[in-house]
N, C-alpha and C. Protein backbone atom coordinates (compact mmCIF):
# COMPACT_ATOMS: atom_id res chain seq x y z
N MET A 1 6.36 -15.15 -79.04
CA MET A 1 6.04 -15.90 -77.83
C MET A 1 4.55 -15.75 -77.54
N LYS A 2 3.89 -16.87 -77.35
CA LYS A 2 2.46 -16.87 -77.09
C LYS A 2 2.20 -16.48 -75.63
N GLN A 3 1.26 -15.54 -75.45
CA GLN A 3 0.92 -15.09 -74.10
C GLN A 3 -0.10 -16.03 -73.48
N LYS A 4 0.06 -16.27 -72.20
CA LYS A 4 -0.87 -17.11 -71.46
C LYS A 4 -1.58 -16.24 -70.44
N PHE A 5 -2.90 -16.32 -70.46
CA PHE A 5 -3.67 -15.57 -69.49
C PHE A 5 -3.64 -16.30 -68.15
N ILE A 6 -3.51 -15.53 -67.09
CA ILE A 6 -3.51 -16.10 -65.74
C ILE A 6 -4.90 -15.92 -65.17
N ARG A 7 -5.53 -17.03 -64.83
CA ARG A 7 -6.88 -16.98 -64.26
C ARG A 7 -6.81 -16.54 -62.79
N ALA A 8 -7.91 -15.97 -62.31
CA ALA A 8 -7.96 -15.51 -60.93
C ALA A 8 -7.80 -16.68 -59.96
N THR A 9 -8.36 -17.83 -60.29
CA THR A 9 -8.23 -18.98 -59.40
C THR A 9 -6.78 -19.45 -59.32
N GLU A 10 -6.07 -19.37 -60.44
CA GLU A 10 -4.66 -19.76 -60.44
C GLU A 10 -3.85 -18.79 -59.58
N LEU A 11 -4.16 -17.52 -59.67
CA LEU A 11 -3.48 -16.51 -58.87
C LEU A 11 -3.78 -16.73 -57.38
N ALA A 12 -5.04 -17.04 -57.06
CA ALA A 12 -5.40 -17.31 -55.67
C ALA A 12 -4.67 -18.53 -55.14
N GLU A 13 -4.53 -19.56 -55.96
CA GLU A 13 -3.78 -20.75 -55.56
C GLU A 13 -2.32 -20.40 -55.27
N PHE A 14 -1.75 -19.53 -56.10
CA PHE A 14 -0.36 -19.12 -55.89
C PHE A 14 -0.20 -18.35 -54.58
N VAL A 15 -1.14 -17.44 -54.31
CA VAL A 15 -1.08 -16.65 -53.08
C VAL A 15 -1.26 -17.54 -51.87
N TYR A 16 -2.15 -18.54 -51.96
CA TYR A 16 -2.39 -19.45 -50.84
C TYR A 16 -1.16 -20.30 -50.55
N CYS A 17 -0.59 -20.90 -51.59
CA CYS A 17 0.60 -21.75 -51.39
C CYS A 17 1.39 -21.79 -52.70
N SER A 18 2.46 -21.04 -52.74
CA SER A 18 3.24 -20.95 -53.98
C SER A 18 3.90 -22.29 -54.34
N LYS A 19 4.25 -23.07 -53.32
CA LYS A 19 4.86 -24.38 -53.59
C LYS A 19 3.86 -25.32 -54.28
N ALA A 20 2.62 -25.35 -53.77
CA ALA A 20 1.59 -26.19 -54.40
C ALA A 20 1.31 -25.71 -55.82
N TRP A 21 1.29 -24.40 -56.04
CA TRP A 21 1.06 -23.85 -57.38
C TRP A 21 2.19 -24.30 -58.31
N HIS A 22 3.42 -24.21 -57.83
CA HIS A 22 4.57 -24.61 -58.64
C HIS A 22 4.48 -26.09 -59.03
N LEU A 23 4.16 -26.94 -58.04
CA LEU A 23 4.04 -28.36 -58.33
C LEU A 23 2.94 -28.65 -59.34
N LYS A 24 1.82 -27.95 -59.21
CA LYS A 24 0.67 -28.22 -60.08
C LYS A 24 0.88 -27.67 -61.49
N TYR A 25 1.27 -26.41 -61.61
CA TYR A 25 1.29 -25.76 -62.91
C TYR A 25 2.63 -25.86 -63.65
N LEU A 26 3.71 -25.96 -62.93
CA LEU A 26 5.01 -26.02 -63.60
C LEU A 26 5.54 -27.44 -63.70
N ASP A 27 5.33 -28.25 -62.65
CA ASP A 27 5.83 -29.62 -62.67
C ASP A 27 4.77 -30.62 -63.13
N GLY A 28 3.52 -30.20 -63.19
CA GLY A 28 2.45 -31.08 -63.65
C GLY A 28 2.07 -32.17 -62.66
N ALA A 29 2.37 -31.97 -61.39
CA ALA A 29 2.04 -32.97 -60.37
C ALA A 29 0.53 -33.01 -60.15
N GLU A 30 0.02 -34.19 -59.85
CA GLU A 30 -1.41 -34.36 -59.60
C GLU A 30 -1.62 -34.88 -58.18
N VAL A 31 -2.78 -34.59 -57.63
CA VAL A 31 -3.12 -35.03 -56.29
C VAL A 31 -3.46 -36.51 -56.33
N SER A 32 -2.95 -37.26 -55.37
CA SER A 32 -3.19 -38.71 -55.34
C SER A 32 -4.64 -39.00 -54.94
N PRO A 33 -5.16 -40.16 -55.36
CA PRO A 33 -6.52 -40.55 -54.98
C PRO A 33 -6.70 -40.63 -53.46
N MET A 34 -5.65 -41.07 -52.74
CA MET A 34 -5.74 -41.15 -51.29
C MET A 34 -5.89 -39.75 -50.67
N ALA A 35 -5.14 -38.79 -51.21
CA ALA A 35 -5.24 -37.42 -50.70
C ALA A 35 -6.62 -36.84 -50.99
N ARG A 36 -7.19 -37.14 -52.15
CA ARG A 36 -8.55 -36.67 -52.48
C ARG A 36 -9.57 -37.27 -51.52
N LYS A 37 -9.39 -38.56 -51.19
CA LYS A 37 -10.30 -39.23 -50.26
C LYS A 37 -10.21 -38.58 -48.88
N LEU A 38 -8.99 -38.34 -48.41
CA LEU A 38 -8.80 -37.70 -47.11
C LEU A 38 -9.40 -36.30 -47.09
N GLN A 39 -9.24 -35.57 -48.18
CA GLN A 39 -9.80 -34.22 -48.26
C GLN A 39 -11.32 -34.27 -48.23
N ALA A 40 -11.93 -35.23 -48.91
CA ALA A 40 -13.39 -35.36 -48.90
C ALA A 40 -13.90 -35.70 -47.50
N GLU A 41 -13.18 -36.58 -46.80
CA GLU A 41 -13.56 -36.93 -45.43
C GLU A 41 -13.43 -35.72 -44.50
N ALA A 42 -12.36 -34.96 -44.66
CA ALA A 42 -12.16 -33.78 -43.83
C ALA A 42 -13.23 -32.72 -44.10
N THR A 43 -13.60 -32.56 -45.37
CA THR A 43 -14.65 -31.60 -45.71
C THR A 43 -15.97 -32.02 -45.10
N ALA A 44 -16.31 -33.30 -45.16
CA ALA A 44 -17.55 -33.79 -44.55
C ALA A 44 -17.54 -33.57 -43.04
N TRP A 45 -16.38 -33.80 -42.41
CA TRP A 45 -16.27 -33.58 -40.97
C TRP A 45 -16.50 -32.10 -40.63
N HIS A 46 -15.90 -31.19 -41.41
CA HIS A 46 -16.07 -29.76 -41.15
C HIS A 46 -17.52 -29.32 -41.35
N VAL A 47 -18.19 -29.87 -42.34
CA VAL A 47 -19.60 -29.54 -42.56
C VAL A 47 -20.43 -29.96 -41.35
N GLU A 48 -20.18 -31.17 -40.84
CA GLU A 48 -20.91 -31.65 -39.66
C GLU A 48 -20.61 -30.79 -38.44
N GLN A 49 -19.36 -30.39 -38.27
CA GLN A 49 -19.00 -29.52 -37.15
C GLN A 49 -19.74 -28.19 -37.25
N GLY A 50 -19.85 -27.64 -38.45
CA GLY A 50 -20.58 -26.39 -38.64
C GLY A 50 -22.05 -26.54 -38.28
N ARG A 51 -22.64 -27.65 -38.69
CA ARG A 51 -24.05 -27.89 -38.34
C ARG A 51 -24.21 -28.03 -36.83
N SER A 52 -23.28 -28.73 -36.19
CA SER A 52 -23.34 -28.92 -34.75
C SER A 52 -23.23 -27.58 -34.02
N LEU A 53 -22.33 -26.73 -34.47
CA LEU A 53 -22.20 -25.40 -33.86
C LEU A 53 -23.44 -24.56 -34.08
N ALA A 54 -24.04 -24.66 -35.25
CA ALA A 54 -25.26 -23.90 -35.52
C ALA A 54 -26.39 -24.35 -34.59
N ARG A 55 -26.50 -25.67 -34.36
CA ARG A 55 -27.51 -26.17 -33.42
C ARG A 55 -27.22 -25.66 -32.02
N GLY A 56 -25.95 -25.64 -31.64
CA GLY A 56 -25.56 -25.16 -30.32
C GLY A 56 -25.94 -23.70 -30.12
N ASP A 57 -25.79 -22.88 -31.16
CA ASP A 57 -26.18 -21.48 -31.07
C ASP A 57 -27.67 -21.35 -30.83
N GLY A 58 -28.46 -22.19 -31.49
CA GLY A 58 -29.91 -22.16 -31.29
C GLY A 58 -30.28 -22.53 -29.86
N TYR A 59 -29.62 -23.55 -29.32
CA TYR A 59 -29.87 -23.94 -27.93
C TYR A 59 -29.45 -22.84 -26.97
N ARG A 60 -28.38 -22.17 -27.28
CA ARG A 60 -27.90 -21.10 -26.42
C ARG A 60 -28.93 -19.98 -26.34
N TRP A 61 -29.49 -19.59 -27.48
CA TRP A 61 -30.50 -18.52 -27.49
C TRP A 61 -31.77 -18.96 -26.76
N ALA A 62 -32.16 -20.22 -26.94
CA ALA A 62 -33.35 -20.72 -26.24
C ALA A 62 -33.11 -20.73 -24.72
N GLY A 63 -31.92 -21.12 -24.30
CA GLY A 63 -31.59 -21.11 -22.88
C GLY A 63 -31.57 -19.72 -22.31
N LEU A 64 -31.05 -18.78 -23.07
CA LEU A 64 -31.02 -17.38 -22.62
C LEU A 64 -32.44 -16.83 -22.48
N ALA A 65 -33.30 -17.16 -23.43
CA ALA A 65 -34.69 -16.70 -23.37
C ALA A 65 -35.39 -17.31 -22.15
N ALA A 66 -35.15 -18.59 -21.87
CA ALA A 66 -35.75 -19.24 -20.70
C ALA A 66 -35.24 -18.60 -19.41
N LEU A 67 -33.96 -18.28 -19.35
CA LEU A 67 -33.39 -17.64 -18.17
C LEU A 67 -34.00 -16.26 -17.95
N MET A 68 -34.15 -15.49 -19.01
CA MET A 68 -34.74 -14.15 -18.90
C MET A 68 -36.19 -14.25 -18.42
N LEU A 69 -36.93 -15.23 -18.92
CA LEU A 69 -38.32 -15.42 -18.49
C LEU A 69 -38.37 -15.80 -17.02
N ALA A 70 -37.46 -16.68 -16.58
CA ALA A 70 -37.43 -17.09 -15.18
C ALA A 70 -37.11 -15.90 -14.28
N ILE A 71 -36.16 -15.08 -14.67
CA ILE A 71 -35.81 -13.90 -13.88
C ILE A 71 -37.00 -12.95 -13.80
N PHE A 72 -37.66 -12.75 -14.93
CA PHE A 72 -38.83 -11.86 -14.95
C PHE A 72 -39.92 -12.38 -14.01
N LEU A 73 -40.20 -13.68 -14.03
CA LEU A 73 -41.24 -14.26 -13.17
C LEU A 73 -40.86 -14.17 -11.69
N ILE A 74 -39.58 -14.39 -11.38
CA ILE A 74 -39.12 -14.28 -9.99
C ILE A 74 -39.28 -12.86 -9.49
N VAL A 75 -38.85 -11.90 -10.28
CA VAL A 75 -38.98 -10.49 -9.88
C VAL A 75 -40.45 -10.11 -9.79
N PHE A 76 -41.26 -10.58 -10.71
CA PHE A 76 -42.70 -10.30 -10.73
C PHE A 76 -43.35 -10.80 -9.44
N CYS A 77 -43.02 -12.02 -9.02
CA CYS A 77 -43.59 -12.58 -7.78
C CYS A 77 -43.00 -11.91 -6.55
N TRP A 78 -41.71 -11.59 -6.56
CA TRP A 78 -41.03 -10.98 -5.41
C TRP A 78 -41.60 -9.61 -5.10
N LEU A 79 -41.92 -8.86 -6.13
CA LEU A 79 -42.45 -7.51 -5.93
C LEU A 79 -43.95 -7.55 -5.58
N GLY A 80 -44.56 -8.71 -5.63
CA GLY A 80 -45.94 -8.84 -5.21
C GLY A 80 -46.95 -8.43 -6.27
N TRP A 81 -46.56 -8.42 -7.51
CA TRP A 81 -47.50 -8.04 -8.57
C TRP A 81 -48.44 -9.17 -8.93
N ALA A 82 -48.20 -10.34 -8.41
CA ALA A 82 -49.00 -11.50 -8.80
C ALA A 82 -50.18 -11.71 -7.85
N LYS A 83 -50.57 -10.70 -7.06
CA LYS A 83 -51.66 -10.84 -6.08
C LYS A 83 -53.01 -10.92 -6.77
């Protein structure tokens, strides 16, 4: 009997979803073109969401820095150091 090596990616696919692994490797099922198109669209959407969140984090830090500066200036003027 000829031995077949199991690749790490194949093992990871099995751990992620054993049913999908069974369909792909034992039944020889292939993903439909429509499913590939939907997956590509979903991946593009997730990439854009990640970029949007990254921009939001930058705005959050800029807003926090502006707030800290405003508080510092208010306290500075309130204590009369600006004479």
